Every structure is written in structure tokens, then in C-alpha cells.
Amino acid sequence: MSKEAISLGVLYKNLIGRLKELIIKPQQEWRLIFSEGKSINEVLTQFSLPLIGIYTLTVFLGYLMSHQELDFESALKEAVFTFSSGFFGLYVCYYFFLKLMAILKKEVKKEEMFQLVAYSSSIMYLSGSVVALIPEAIIIGSIVNLYLVYLVWIGLGALNRMTKDVHVWMTIIFGLIILILPSLIHRLFVFISNLTV
């Protein structure tokens, strides 16, 4: 498989197309995702990092717009925390889920597990971006985040390697951890930064 550079326009066009398909036709899109055989690095550079980047930028802009004074330092700090929590949250979830699958003796490829976490997390980044720019939309954003759990359900089903009972509780565990862990990491960064001030 040739690894050629993708222009920024094509990158975001592909990203938007993938997001649209995940929202409109998740079952077909998950099958396509798992059949593509993309490496962890490709998913990270072509999907997750650009999306986390958009989320980070909207948090930065939203912070500046929601405060009377233009406090670039605080806005930048919040943006760094957002990027870090999104990035580290992605990897911590991935490693945790790999270990959980190994404990359950469920055969899963590392790339598939990373794809499951990365593509499911996209809903959280999208809703977070909207809430960053329109803080009044926080309730709608929280409701939209529940779609992430549905994406996990469909994604685990597309892997087709577990009984229905296991599928149900794995969906709940995976969905909740993907939703909660980045927020916990963000709070940890804020706590640490407050200690060093």
C-alpha cells in the first residue's frame, strides 16, 4: 500500500465524509472502516489529530469569546489541556480496551481496537466543538454524546466476536469510558497546573 501525502483540503474532505457516513449509515461505515486495514498511525494522522485539532481551536476561540478581557494565556492553557486530554484519552482508552479484551480472551487486532476508539470519539469532539463556541448548547451536546455509545454498539457488532450479553455490557463499559476518561484527564491537568502556580 503506497503512503502518499494527502493535501489538507483532501484530508478534511475525507474526514467530513467519514463523519457524515458514521452518523447517517454507521453499520455500513464500520464494515468499510474495518475492511480498509488502515494502520493506527494512518487513523491518527488522517482522522483523530485533525479532529482533535478542530476541537482545540474551537475551545481556544470559545474561551476568548466568552471572557470580557482577551486572556490569551488562559485560552491557550485551556486549548493545550483540551488537546492533551483528547490525545491521551484516546490512547488510554485504547490500551485499557486491549487489556480488557485480552483478559476476556477475545481476539481483536490492535488496529481495529484503535479504530473503534478513534471513530467513536469523533462524536465527542464534534459536540465539544459546538459547546465551546455556543456554551448554551451544553445540554444538547450531552445528549448528542450518547450517540457515541450507539457507535460503539454498532462497531463492536461489526467485529462480531462476542455473545449478545458480552456485547451489551462491553458497549456500556466502552462507551462510558470513552466519554468520561478525557474529561478526567482534563481535570487532572487543570489540578496539576493549579498546584504549580
C-alpha atoms as a PDB file:
ATOM      1  CA  MET A   1       0.000   0.000   0.000  1.00  0.00           C
ATOM      2  CA  SER A   2       1.572   3.288  -1.035  1.00  0.00           C
ATOM      3  CA  LYS A   3       1.777   6.023   1.549  1.00  0.00           C
ATOM      4  CA  GLU A   4       1.404   9.277  -0.343  1.00  0.00           C
ATOM      5  CA  ALA A   5       0.937  12.721   1.156  1.00  0.00           C
ATOM      6  CA  ILE A   6      -2.615  13.995   1.349  1.00  0.00           C
ATOM      7  CA  SER A   7      -3.335  17.699   0.897  1.00  0.00           C
ATOM      8  CA  LEU A   8      -5.090  19.489   3.745  1.00  0.00           C
ATOM      9  CA  GLY A   9      -8.210  20.011   1.621  1.00  0.00           C
ATOM     10  CA  VAL A  10      -8.474  16.316   0.745  1.00  0.00           C
ATOM     11  CA  LEU A  11      -7.760  15.358   4.359  1.00  0.00           C
ATOM     12  CA  TYR A  12     -10.663  17.423   5.705  1.00  0.00           C
ATOM     13  CA  LYS A  13     -12.942  16.397   2.831  1.00  0.00           C
ATOM     14  CA  ASN A  14     -12.306  12.717   3.681  1.00  0.00           C
ATOM     15  CA  LEU A  15     -12.749  13.440   7.385  1.00  0.00           C
ATOM     16  CA  ILE A  16     -16.105  15.179   6.855  1.00  0.00           C
ATOM     17  CA  GLY A  17     -17.245  12.373   4.538  1.00  0.00           C
ATOM     18  CA  ARG A  18     -16.352   9.741   7.114  1.00  0.00           C
ATOM     19  CA  LEU A  19     -18.128  11.651   9.912  1.00  0.00           C
ATOM     20  CA  LYS A  20     -21.236  12.034   7.762  1.00  0.00           C
ATOM     21  CA  GLU A  21     -21.320   8.322   6.958  1.00  0.00           C
ATOM     22  CA  LEU A  22     -20.723   7.344  10.606  1.00  0.00           C
ATOM     23  CA  ILE A  23     -23.729   9.452  11.591  1.00  0.00           C
ATOM     24  CA  ILE A  24     -26.050   8.504   8.705  1.00  0.00           C
ATOM     25  CA  LYS A  25     -25.045   4.884   7.920  1.00  0.00           C
ATOM     26  CA  PRO A  26     -22.926   3.607  10.839  1.00  0.00           C
ATOM     27  CA  GLN A  27     -23.308  -0.125  10.083  1.00  0.00           C
ATOM     28  CA  GLN A  28     -22.033   0.196   6.513  1.00  0.00           C
ATOM     29  CA  GLU A  29     -19.326   2.643   7.556  1.00  0.00           C
ATOM     30  CA  TRP A  30     -17.967   0.385  10.326  1.00  0.00           C
ATOM     31  CA  ARG A  31     -17.720  -2.523   7.882  1.00  0.00           C
ATOM     32  CA  LEU A  32     -15.858  -0.254   5.455  1.00  0.00           C
ATOM     33  CA  ILE A  33     -13.572   1.046   8.226  1.00  0.00           C
ATOM     34  CA  PHE A  34     -12.583  -2.436   9.382  1.00  0.00           C
ATOM     35  CA  SER A  35     -12.069  -3.633   5.789  1.00  0.00           C
ATOM     36  CA  GLU A  36      -9.715  -0.739   4.897  1.00  0.00           C
ATOM     37  CA  GLY A  37      -6.920  -2.122   7.059  1.00  0.00           C
ATOM     38  CA  LYS A  38      -5.568   1.309   7.994  1.00  0.00           C
ATOM     39  CA  SER A  39      -2.724   1.418  10.475  1.00  0.00           C
ATOM     40  CA  ILE A  40      -3.020   3.161  13.847  1.00  0.00           C
ATOM     41  CA  ASN A  41      -0.764   5.916  12.522  1.00  0.00           C
ATOM     42  CA  GLU A  42      -2.972   6.500   9.466  1.00  0.00           C
ATOM     43  CA  VAL A  43      -6.139   6.731  11.572  1.00  0.00           C
ATOM     44  CA  LEU A  44      -4.374   9.080  13.967  1.00  0.00           C
ATOM     45  CA  THR A  45      -2.936  11.416  11.314  1.00  0.00           C
ATOM     46  CA  GLN A  46      -5.833  11.335   8.837  1.00  0.00           C
ATOM     47  CA  PHE A  47      -8.722  11.429  11.300  1.00  0.00           C
ATOM     48  CA  SER A  48      -8.145  11.799  15.038  1.00  0.00           C
ATOM     49  CA  LEU A  49      -5.466  14.510  15.147  1.00  0.00           C
ATOM     50  CA  PRO A  50      -7.218  16.820  12.638  1.00  0.00           C
ATOM     51  CA  LEU A  51     -10.488  16.401  14.555  1.00  0.00           C
ATOM     52  CA  ILE A  52      -8.842  16.981  17.943  1.00  0.00           C
ATOM     53  CA  GLY A  53      -7.155  20.000  16.327  1.00  0.00           C
ATOM     54  CA  ILE A  54     -10.520  21.468  15.301  1.00  0.00           C
ATOM     55  CA  TYR A  55     -11.869  20.799  18.793  1.00  0.00           C
ATOM     56  CA  THR A  56      -8.818  22.500  20.345  1.00  0.00           C
ATOM     57  CA  LEU A  57      -9.152  25.536  18.065  1.00  0.00           C
ATOM     58  CA  THR A  58     -12.849  25.965  18.894  1.00  0.00           C
ATOM     59  CA  VAL A  59     -12.079  25.710  22.626  1.00  0.00           C
ATOM     60  CA  PHE A  60      -9.416  28.408  22.226  1.00  0.00           C
ATOM     61  CA  LEU A  61     -11.755  30.701  20.269  1.00  0.00           C
ATOM     62  CA  GLY A  62     -14.712  29.949  22.538  1.00  0.00           C
ATOM     63  CA  TYR A  63     -12.663  30.807  25.616  1.00  0.00           C
ATOM     64  CA  LEU A  64     -11.605  34.130  24.096  1.00  0.00           C
ATOM     65  CA  MET A  65     -15.176  34.988  23.046  1.00  0.00           C
ATOM     66  CA  SER A  66     -16.737  34.081  26.394  1.00  0.00           C
ATOM     67  CA  HIS A  67     -14.452  36.282  28.516  1.00  0.00           C
ATOM     68  CA  GLN A  68     -14.616  40.068  28.634  1.00  0.00           C
ATOM     69  CA  GLU A  69     -10.862  40.542  28.500  1.00  0.00           C
ATOM     70  CA  LEU A  70      -8.785  38.824  25.833  1.00  0.00           C
ATOM     71  CA  ASP A  71      -6.850  36.467  28.074  1.00  0.00           C
ATOM     72  CA  PHE A  72      -4.682  34.651  25.510  1.00  0.00           C
ATOM     73  CA  GLU A  73      -2.630  32.864  28.162  1.00  0.00           C
ATOM     74  CA  SER A  74      -5.668  31.248  29.828  1.00  0.00           C
ATOM     75  CA  ALA A  75      -7.247  30.464  26.443  1.00  0.00           C
ATOM     76  CA  LEU A  76      -4.022  28.838  25.271  1.00  0.00           C
ATOM     77  CA  LYS A  77      -3.744  26.830  28.500  1.00  0.00           C
ATOM     78  CA  GLU A  78      -7.329  25.602  28.095  1.00  0.00           C
ATOM     79  CA  ALA A  79      -6.621  24.667  24.465  1.00  0.00           C
ATOM     80  CA  VAL A  80      -3.489  22.723  25.471  1.00  0.00           C
ATOM     81  CA  PHE A  81      -5.459  20.867  28.160  1.00  0.00           C
ATOM     82  CA  THR A  82      -8.180  20.067  25.624  1.00  0.00           C
ATOM     83  CA  PHE A  83      -5.734  18.728  23.047  1.00  0.00           C
ATOM     84  CA  SER A  84      -3.807  16.725  25.649  1.00  0.00           C
ATOM     85  CA  SER A  85      -6.934  15.206  27.195  1.00  0.00           C
ATOM     86  CA  GLY A  86      -8.266  14.254  23.744  1.00  0.00           C
ATOM     87  CA  PHE A  87      -4.967  12.727  22.656  1.00  0.00           C
ATOM     88  CA  PHE A  88      -4.104  10.927  25.894  1.00  0.00           C
ATOM     89  CA  GLY A  89      -7.732   9.899  26.409  1.00  0.00           C
ATOM     90  CA  LEU A  90      -7.668   8.214  23.014  1.00  0.00           C
ATOM     91  CA  TYR A  91      -4.576   6.186  23.850  1.00  0.00           C
ATOM     92  CA  VAL A  92      -5.506   5.334  27.438  1.00  0.00           C
ATOM     93  CA  CYS A  93      -8.912   4.038  26.260  1.00  0.00           C
ATOM     94  CA  TYR A  94      -7.225   2.050  23.502  1.00  0.00           C
ATOM     95  CA  TYR A  95      -4.738   0.376  25.858  1.00  0.00           C
ATOM     96  CA  PHE A  96      -7.377  -0.272  28.506  1.00  0.00           C
ATOM     97  CA  PHE A  97      -9.717  -1.900  25.975  1.00  0.00           C
ATOM     98  CA  LEU A  98      -6.902  -4.041  24.543  1.00  0.00           C
ATOM     99  CA  LYS A  99      -6.104  -5.333  28.043  1.00  0.00           C
ATOM    100  CA  LEU A 100      -9.795  -5.950  28.761  1.00  0.00           C
ATOM    101  CA  MET A 101     -10.195  -7.932  25.530  1.00  0.00           C
ATOM    102  CA  ALA A 102      -7.082  -9.965  26.398  1.00  0.00           C
ATOM    103  CA  ILE A 103      -8.482 -10.742  29.872  1.00  0.00           C
ATOM    104  CA  LEU A 104     -11.740 -11.867  28.238  1.00  0.00           C
ATOM    105  CA  LYS A 105      -9.709 -13.895  25.728  1.00  0.00           C
ATOM    106  CA  LYS A 106     -11.359 -12.091  22.814  1.00  0.00           C
ATOM    107  CA  GLU A 107      -9.269 -11.973  19.647  1.00  0.00           C
ATOM    108  CA  VAL A 108      -9.067  -8.417  18.309  1.00  0.00           C
ATOM    109  CA  LYS A 109      -6.479  -6.666  16.162  1.00  0.00           C
ATOM    110  CA  LYS A 110      -4.789  -3.619  17.669  1.00  0.00           C
ATOM    111  CA  GLU A 111      -5.715  -1.569  14.605  1.00  0.00           C
ATOM    112  CA  GLU A 112      -9.407  -2.487  14.942  1.00  0.00           C
ATOM    113  CA  MET A 113      -9.456  -1.542  18.614  1.00  0.00           C
ATOM    114  CA  PHE A 114      -7.814   1.809  17.883  1.00  0.00           C
ATOM    115  CA  GLN A 115     -10.309   2.432  15.078  1.00  0.00           C
ATOM    116  CA  LEU A 116     -13.195   1.632  17.424  1.00  0.00           C
ATOM    117  CA  VAL A 117     -11.990   4.188  19.973  1.00  0.00           C
ATOM    118  CA  ALA A 118     -10.924   6.843  17.446  1.00  0.00           C
ATOM    119  CA  TYR A 119     -14.020   6.855  15.262  1.00  0.00           C
ATOM    120  CA  SER A 120     -16.428   6.586  18.203  1.00  0.00           C
ATOM    121  CA  SER A 121     -14.701   9.517  19.940  1.00  0.00           C
ATOM    122  CA  SER A 122     -15.400  11.739  16.934  1.00  0.00           C
ATOM    123  CA  ILE A 123     -18.924  12.470  18.198  1.00  0.00           C
ATOM    124  CA  MET A 124     -17.484  13.791  21.458  1.00  0.00           C
ATOM    125  CA  TYR A 125     -15.069  16.101  19.608  1.00  0.00           C
ATOM    126  CA  LEU A 126     -17.870  17.423  17.395  1.00  0.00           C
ATOM    127  CA  SER A 127     -20.271  18.124  20.257  1.00  0.00           C
ATOM    128  CA  GLY A 128     -17.405  19.603  22.302  1.00  0.00           C
ATOM    129  CA  SER A 129     -16.581  21.965  19.437  1.00  0.00           C
ATOM    130  CA  VAL A 130     -20.178  23.189  19.248  1.00  0.00           C
ATOM    131  CA  VAL A 131     -20.428  23.632  23.035  1.00  0.00           C
ATOM    132  CA  ALA A 132     -17.082  25.503  23.085  1.00  0.00           C
ATOM    133  CA  LEU A 133     -18.483  28.075  20.654  1.00  0.00           C
ATOM    134  CA  ILE A 134     -22.078  28.036  21.981  1.00  0.00           C
ATOM    135  CA  PRO A 135     -21.954  27.233  25.721  1.00  0.00           C
ATOM    136  CA  GLU A 136     -25.778  27.313  25.901  1.00  0.00           C
ATOM    137  CA  ALA A 137     -25.818  24.125  23.807  1.00  0.00           C
ATOM    138  CA  ILE A 138     -24.299  22.049  26.623  1.00  0.00           C
ATOM    139  CA  ILE A 139     -27.474  20.017  27.243  1.00  0.00           C
ATOM    140  CA  ILE A 140     -27.874  19.258  23.533  1.00  0.00           C
ATOM    141  CA  GLY A 141     -24.164  18.386  23.365  1.00  0.00           C
ATOM    142  CA  SER A 142     -24.549  15.949  26.266  1.00  0.00           C
ATOM    143  CA  ILE A 143     -27.499  14.263  24.558  1.00  0.00           C
ATOM    144  CA  VAL A 144     -25.610  14.071  21.249  1.00  0.00           C
ATOM    145  CA  ASN A 145     -22.692  12.404  23.086  1.00  0.00           C
ATOM    146  CA  LEU A 146     -24.957   9.433  23.793  1.00  0.00           C
ATOM    147  CA  TYR A 147     -24.777   8.656  20.076  1.00  0.00           C
ATOM    148  CA  LEU A 148     -21.175   7.667  20.814  1.00  0.00           C
ATOM    149  CA  VAL A 149     -22.484   4.686  22.805  1.00  0.00           C
ATOM    150  CA  TYR A 150     -24.592   3.672  19.795  1.00  0.00           C
ATOM    151  CA  LEU A 151     -21.496   3.909  17.548  1.00  0.00           C
ATOM    152  CA  VAL A 152     -19.599   1.658  19.979  1.00  0.00           C
ATOM    153  CA  TRP A 153     -22.516  -0.817  19.875  1.00  0.00           C
ATOM    154  CA  ILE A 154     -22.501  -0.924  16.075  1.00  0.00           C
ATOM    155  CA  GLY A 155     -18.676  -1.040  15.932  1.00  0.00           C
ATOM    156  CA  LEU A 156     -18.430  -3.956  18.368  1.00  0.00           C
ATOM    157  CA  GLY A 157     -21.194  -5.710  16.416  1.00  0.00           C
ATOM    158  CA  ALA A 158     -19.237  -5.253  13.186  1.00  0.00           C
ATOM    159  CA  LEU A 159     -16.284  -7.002  14.829  1.00  0.00           C
ATOM    160  CA  ASN A 160     -18.757  -9.848  15.520  1.00  0.00           C
ATOM    161  CA  ARG A 161     -16.648 -11.653  18.119  1.00  0.00           C
ATOM    162  CA  MET A 162     -18.864 -11.834  21.183  1.00  0.00           C
ATOM    163  CA  THR A 163     -22.159 -13.104  22.533  1.00  0.00           C
ATOM    164  CA  LYS A 164     -25.078 -10.708  22.887  1.00  0.00           C
ATOM    165  CA  ASP A 165     -24.695 -10.426  26.687  1.00  0.00           C
ATOM    166  CA  VAL A 166     -20.997  -9.587  26.409  1.00  0.00           C
ATOM    167  CA  HIS A 167     -21.782  -7.186  23.557  1.00  0.00           C
ATOM    168  CA  VAL A 168     -24.255  -5.255  25.760  1.00  0.00           C
ATOM    169  CA  TRP A 169     -22.035  -4.783  28.788  1.00  0.00           C
ATOM    170  CA  MET A 170     -18.901  -4.159  26.685  1.00  0.00           C
ATOM    171  CA  THR A 171     -20.794  -1.402  24.856  1.00  0.00           C
ATOM    172  CA  ILE A 172     -21.765   0.218  28.148  1.00  0.00           C
ATOM    173  CA  ILE A 173     -18.235  -0.027  29.583  1.00  0.00           C
ATOM    174  CA  PHE A 174     -16.507   1.143  26.395  1.00  0.00           C
ATOM    175  CA  GLY A 175     -18.994   3.959  25.791  1.00  0.00           C
ATOM    176  CA  LEU A 176     -18.797   5.324  29.332  1.00  0.00           C
ATOM    177  CA  ILE A 177     -15.004   5.141  29.460  1.00  0.00           C
ATOM    178  CA  ILE A 178     -14.618   6.895  26.080  1.00  0.00           C
ATOM    179  CA  LEU A 179     -16.988   9.624  27.295  1.00  0.00           C
ATOM    180  CA  ILE A 180     -15.594  10.081  30.811  1.00  0.00           C
ATOM    181  CA  LEU A 181     -11.837   9.464  30.564  1.00  0.00           C
ATOM    182  CA  PRO A 182     -10.844  12.574  28.519  1.00  0.00           C
ATOM    183  CA  SER A 183     -12.779  14.739  30.979  1.00  0.00           C
ATOM    184  CA  LEU A 184     -10.963  13.138  33.934  1.00  0.00           C
ATOM    185  CA  ILE A 185      -7.599  13.663  32.219  1.00  0.00           C
ATOM    186  CA  HIS A 186      -8.541  17.295  31.546  1.00  0.00           C
ATOM    187  CA  ARG A 187      -9.394  17.801  35.227  1.00  0.00           C
ATOM    188  CA  LEU A 188      -6.102  16.184  36.216  1.00  0.00           C
ATOM    189  CA  PHE A 189      -4.161  18.623  34.000  1.00  0.00           C
ATOM    190  CA  VAL A 190      -6.080  21.573  35.478  1.00  0.00           C
ATOM    191  CA  PHE A 191      -5.392  20.302  39.013  1.00  0.00           C
ATOM    192  CA  ILE A 192      -1.665  19.854  38.300  1.00  0.00           C
ATOM    193  CA  SER A 193      -1.421  23.296  36.688  1.00  0.00           C
ATOM    194  CA  ASN A 194      -3.091  24.878  39.741  1.00  0.00           C
ATOM    195  CA  LEU A 195      -0.541  23.175  42.009  1.00  0.00           C
ATOM    196  CA  THR A 196       2.361  24.655  40.039  1.00  0.00           C
ATOM    197  CA  VAL A 197       1.027  28.227  40.092  1.00  0.00           C
END
